[in-house]
């Protein structure tokens, strides 16, 4: 049995996740979730709409928080997006009671995977828009899309490892390392040096072996630009 635990968003999601895990996603009804949480069925439908909406309710709230954060952030475009990705990661790791079983449910149901893919696309689009607007507006360039994709890929790579082993204490260290790699990739695209800002163009010629790792290459070029800036 799931205890009646109040009508807050987290309480409803937690009760739903437990029901989905114990009885199965398909067998669980909105009426069952309402009974488990002490919320009327009518109120539950009005607030969430469907079982899928309940399961991803905290995702939707987190997305709105992330968008507002980027809009208000005084940091550079890259720093704002990387900090936003950190907020997303924190939203997962702070509540393993929900995120770990939800991960297992998503893996088992294709329509839930589709919903999560759509959420990931929303984050990538939001990151791209923020970077593009900071770079002068207009449609996101290829470079902007590459950086936004890299943020998502790095975040998801670390997140998948944590979801498989939530007790691993090294997740935040790996996350920070992953974001630093993205920063190295983004730096030549979004961080102006003093000379560039004053309108003087510079050319940096770098020659490295053909098998040099792209991330390492970006880091080295960035160091040279900063040393000569």
Protein backbone atom coordinates (compact mmCIF):
# COMPACT_ATOMS: atom_id res chain seq x y z
CA UNK A 1 0.00 0.00 0.00
CA UNK A 2 1.06 3.58 -0.69
CA UNK A 3 0.53 5.95 2.22
CA UNK A 4 -1.66 9.02 1.85
CA UNK A 5 1.05 11.65 1.74
CA UNK A 6 -0.54 14.95 0.78
CA UNK A 7 -1.19 16.77 -2.44
CA UNK A 8 2.10 18.52 -3.19
CA UNK A 9 3.67 17.85 -6.58
CA UNK A 10 6.51 15.76 -5.17
CA UNK A 11 4.13 13.75 -2.98
CA UNK A 12 1.89 12.96 -5.93
CA UNK A 13 4.81 12.01 -8.19
CA UNK A 14 6.39 9.86 -5.47
CA UNK A 15 3.13 8.01 -4.84
CA UNK A 16 2.61 7.51 -8.56
CA UNK A 17 6.12 6.17 -9.07
CA UNK A 18 5.60 3.67 -6.27
CA UNK A 19 2.32 2.53 -7.78
CA UNK A 20 3.86 2.26 -11.24
CA UNK A 21 6.69 0.17 -9.80
CA UNK A 22 4.52 -2.11 -7.68
CA UNK A 23 1.48 -2.58 -9.91
CA UNK A 24 2.91 -1.69 -13.34
CA UNK A 25 2.51 1.48 -15.33
CA UNK A 26 -0.32 0.20 -17.51
CA UNK A 27 -2.26 -1.25 -14.59
CA UNK A 28 -2.10 1.93 -12.52
CA UNK A 29 -4.97 4.38 -12.99
CA UNK A 30 -5.38 8.06 -12.23
CA UNK A 31 -8.09 7.02 -9.75
CA UNK A 32 -5.54 4.84 -7.98
CA UNK A 33 -3.07 7.70 -7.79
CA UNK A 34 -5.79 9.98 -6.43
CA UNK A 35 -6.71 7.42 -3.78
CA UNK A 36 -3.07 6.96 -2.76
CA UNK A 37 -2.46 10.69 -2.35
CA UNK A 38 -5.76 11.86 -0.92
CA UNK A 39 -6.32 14.15 -3.91
CA UNK A 40 -9.69 14.04 -5.66
CA UNK A 41 -9.69 12.48 -9.09
CA UNK A 42 -11.08 15.69 -10.58
CA UNK A 43 -8.32 17.79 -9.01
CA UNK A 44 -5.67 15.32 -10.17
CA UNK A 45 -6.84 15.46 -13.78
CA UNK A 46 -7.06 19.24 -13.63
CA UNK A 47 -3.50 19.54 -12.33
CA UNK A 48 -1.77 16.85 -14.38
CA UNK A 49 -4.01 15.55 -17.16
CA UNK A 50 -2.58 12.04 -17.49
CA UNK A 51 -0.34 9.43 -15.88
CA UNK A 52 2.52 10.54 -18.13
CA UNK A 53 2.04 14.12 -16.95
CA UNK A 54 2.22 12.99 -13.33
CA UNK A 55 5.41 11.02 -13.93
CA UNK A 56 7.16 13.96 -15.59
CA UNK A 57 5.58 16.78 -13.56
CA UNK A 58 8.81 17.69 -11.78
CA UNK A 59 10.62 17.68 -15.12
CA UNK A 60 8.24 20.32 -16.41
CA UNK A 61 8.68 22.49 -13.32
CA UNK A 62 12.46 22.16 -13.51
CA UNK A 63 12.48 23.18 -17.15
CA UNK A 64 10.62 26.40 -16.35
CA UNK A 65 13.09 27.12 -13.54
CA UNK A 66 16.05 26.59 -15.87
CA UNK A 67 14.63 28.92 -18.53
CA UNK A 68 13.99 31.66 -15.98
CA UNK A 69 17.50 31.23 -14.60
CA UNK A 70 19.13 31.71 -18.01
CA UNK A 71 16.98 34.76 -18.75
CA UNK A 72 18.07 36.43 -15.50
CA UNK A 73 21.69 35.25 -15.40
CA UNK A 74 24.37 37.98 -15.54
CA UNK A 75 27.01 35.43 -16.54
CA UNK A 76 28.45 34.82 -19.99
CA UNK A 77 26.30 32.76 -22.39
CA UNK A 78 28.44 29.68 -21.93
CA UNK A 79 28.56 29.99 -18.14
CA UNK A 80 24.79 30.49 -18.02
CA UNK A 81 24.10 27.36 -20.05
CA UNK A 82 26.59 25.24 -18.11
CA UNK A 83 25.10 26.45 -14.82
CA UNK A 84 21.63 25.64 -16.19
CA UNK A 85 22.80 22.10 -17.02
CA UNK A 86 24.04 21.85 -13.44
CA UNK A 87 20.56 22.76 -12.20
CA UNK A 88 19.09 19.98 -14.32
CA UNK A 89 21.60 17.44 -12.98
CA UNK A 90 20.91 18.57 -9.44
CA UNK A 91 17.20 18.08 -10.07
CA UNK A 92 17.90 14.41 -10.73
CA UNK A 93 20.45 13.54 -8.05
CA UNK A 94 18.67 15.28 -5.17
CA UNK A 95 15.69 12.92 -5.34
CA UNK A 96 16.74 9.35 -6.23
CA UNK A 97 13.47 7.99 -4.78
CA UNK A 98 11.78 9.39 -7.87
CA UNK A 99 14.45 9.64 -10.54
CA UNK A 100 15.89 6.11 -10.28
CA UNK A 101 12.58 4.20 -10.55
CA UNK A 102 11.39 6.66 -13.21
CA UNK A 103 14.54 5.85 -15.21
CA UNK A 104 13.65 2.16 -15.04
CA UNK A 105 10.06 2.84 -16.05
CA UNK A 106 11.18 4.94 -19.00
CA UNK A 107 13.49 2.17 -20.20
CA UNK A 108 10.62 -0.31 -20.11
CA UNK A 109 7.97 1.74 -21.95
CA UNK A 110 8.48 3.21 -25.40
CA UNK A 111 5.93 6.00 -25.02
CA UNK A 112 7.67 7.14 -21.84
CA UNK A 113 10.98 7.12 -23.71
CA UNK A 114 9.37 9.32 -26.37
CA UNK A 115 8.28 11.77 -23.67
CA UNK A 116 11.79 11.92 -22.22
CA UNK A 117 13.32 12.42 -25.68
CA UNK A 118 10.94 15.32 -26.20
CA UNK A 119 12.00 16.83 -22.87
CA UNK A 120 15.66 16.53 -23.82
CA UNK A 121 14.91 18.29 -27.10
CA UNK A 122 13.24 21.13 -25.16
CA UNK A 123 16.37 21.65 -23.09
CA UNK A 124 18.61 21.60 -26.16
CA UNK A 125 16.38 24.12 -27.94
CA UNK A 126 16.39 26.39 -24.87
CA UNK A 127 20.18 26.24 -24.64
CA UNK A 128 20.51 26.96 -28.36
CA UNK A 129 18.17 29.95 -28.15
CA UNK A 130 20.07 31.42 -25.21
CA UNK A 131 23.44 31.06 -26.92
CA UNK A 132 22.10 32.42 -30.22
CA UNK A 133 20.51 35.47 -28.61
CA UNK A 134 23.71 36.27 -26.76
CA UNK A 135 25.66 35.95 -30.01
CA UNK A 136 23.50 38.55 -31.74
CA UNK A 137 20.12 36.93 -32.16
CA UNK A 138 18.72 35.25 -35.20
CA UNK A 139 18.56 31.59 -36.01
CA UNK A 140 21.03 29.40 -34.06
CA UNK A 141 24.21 28.80 -36.06
CA UNK A 142 25.85 25.42 -36.54
CA UNK A 143 28.39 26.33 -33.85
CA UNK A 144 25.61 27.17 -31.39
CA UNK A 145 23.83 23.89 -32.11
CA UNK A 146 27.07 21.94 -31.65
CA UNK A 147 27.72 23.50 -28.25
CA UNK A 148 24.12 22.98 -27.08
CA UNK A 149 24.28 19.36 -28.22
CA UNK A 150 27.58 18.89 -26.40
CA UNK A 151 26.07 20.19 -23.16
CA UNK A 152 23.19 17.71 -23.45
CA UNK A 153 25.49 14.82 -24.38
CA UNK A 154 27.89 15.49 -21.51
CA UNK A 155 25.05 15.88 -19.01
CA UNK A 156 23.34 12.67 -20.12
CA UNK A 157 26.58 10.69 -20.16
CA UNK A 158 27.23 11.44 -16.49
CA UNK A 159 23.56 11.13 -15.55
CA UNK A 160 23.25 7.63 -17.00
CA UNK A 161 26.22 6.51 -14.91
CA UNK A 162 24.65 7.94 -11.76
CA UNK A 163 21.25 6.39 -12.49
CA UNK A 164 22.89 2.98 -12.75
CA UNK A 165 24.71 3.51 -9.44
CA UNK A 166 23.15 6.30 -7.34
CA UNK A 167 25.43 5.50 -4.39
CA UNK A 168 28.54 6.38 -6.39
CA UNK A 169 30.04 9.44 -4.74
CA UNK A 170 31.98 10.58 -7.79
CA UNK A 171 29.07 11.78 -9.93
CA UNK A 172 29.53 15.50 -9.23
CA UNK A 173 33.24 15.32 -9.94
CA UNK A 174 32.58 13.62 -13.28
CA UNK A 175 29.86 16.15 -14.06
CA UNK A 176 32.19 19.09 -13.47
CA UNK A 177 34.90 17.45 -15.57
CA UNK A 178 32.41 16.87 -18.39
CA UNK A 179 31.24 20.49 -18.31
CA UNK A 180 34.84 21.72 -18.41
CA UNK A 181 35.33 19.74 -21.59
CA UNK A 182 32.30 21.44 -23.07
CA UNK A 183 33.63 24.82 -21.93
CA UNK A 184 36.89 24.14 -23.78
CA UNK A 185 34.91 23.36 -26.92
CA UNK A 186 32.77 26.48 -26.59
CA UNK A 187 35.47 28.95 -25.59
CA UNK A 188 36.82 29.77 -29.08
CA UNK A 189 33.24 30.39 -30.27
CA UNK A 190 31.78 32.54 -27.51
CA UNK A 191 34.53 34.12 -25.45
CA UNK A 192 35.94 37.31 -26.95
CA UNK A 193 39.47 38.39 -26.11
CA UNK A 194 40.32 42.02 -25.44
CA UNK A 195 41.66 42.54 -28.96
CA UNK A 196 38.58 40.99 -30.57
CA UNK A 197 36.31 43.19 -28.49
CA UNK A 198 38.23 46.29 -29.61
CA UNK A 199 37.68 45.42 -33.25
CA UNK A 200 41.17 44.13 -34.12
CA UNK A 201 41.16 40.73 -35.80
CA UNK A 202 43.73 38.11 -34.97
CA UNK A 203 44.75 34.90 -36.66
CA UNK A 204 46.02 31.90 -34.73
CA UNK A 205 47.66 29.12 -36.70
CA UNK A 206 48.00 25.81 -34.88
CA UNK A 207 49.50 22.58 -36.20
CA UNK A 208 48.87 19.33 -34.34
CA UNK A 209 48.97 15.61 -35.28
CA UNK A 210 45.89 14.43 -37.15
CA UNK A 211 44.90 12.04 -34.35
CA UNK A 212 44.75 14.76 -31.67
CA UNK A 213 41.56 14.50 -29.60
CA UNK A 214 39.17 17.31 -30.65
CA UNK A 215 38.50 18.35 -27.06
CA UNK A 216 42.23 18.46 -26.31
CA UNK A 217 42.81 20.45 -29.49
CA UNK A 218 40.16 22.98 -28.49
CA UNK A 219 41.73 23.31 -25.05
CA UNK A 220 45.21 23.95 -26.47
CA UNK A 221 44.02 26.51 -28.97
CA UNK A 222 42.05 28.28 -26.24
CA UNK A 223 45.18 28.47 -24.06
CA UNK A 224 47.18 30.00 -26.89
CA UNK A 225 44.48 32.61 -27.59
CA UNK A 226 44.31 33.57 -23.93
CA UNK A 227 48.10 33.77 -23.56
CA UNK A 228 48.34 36.13 -26.52
CA UNK A 229 45.21 38.09 -25.65
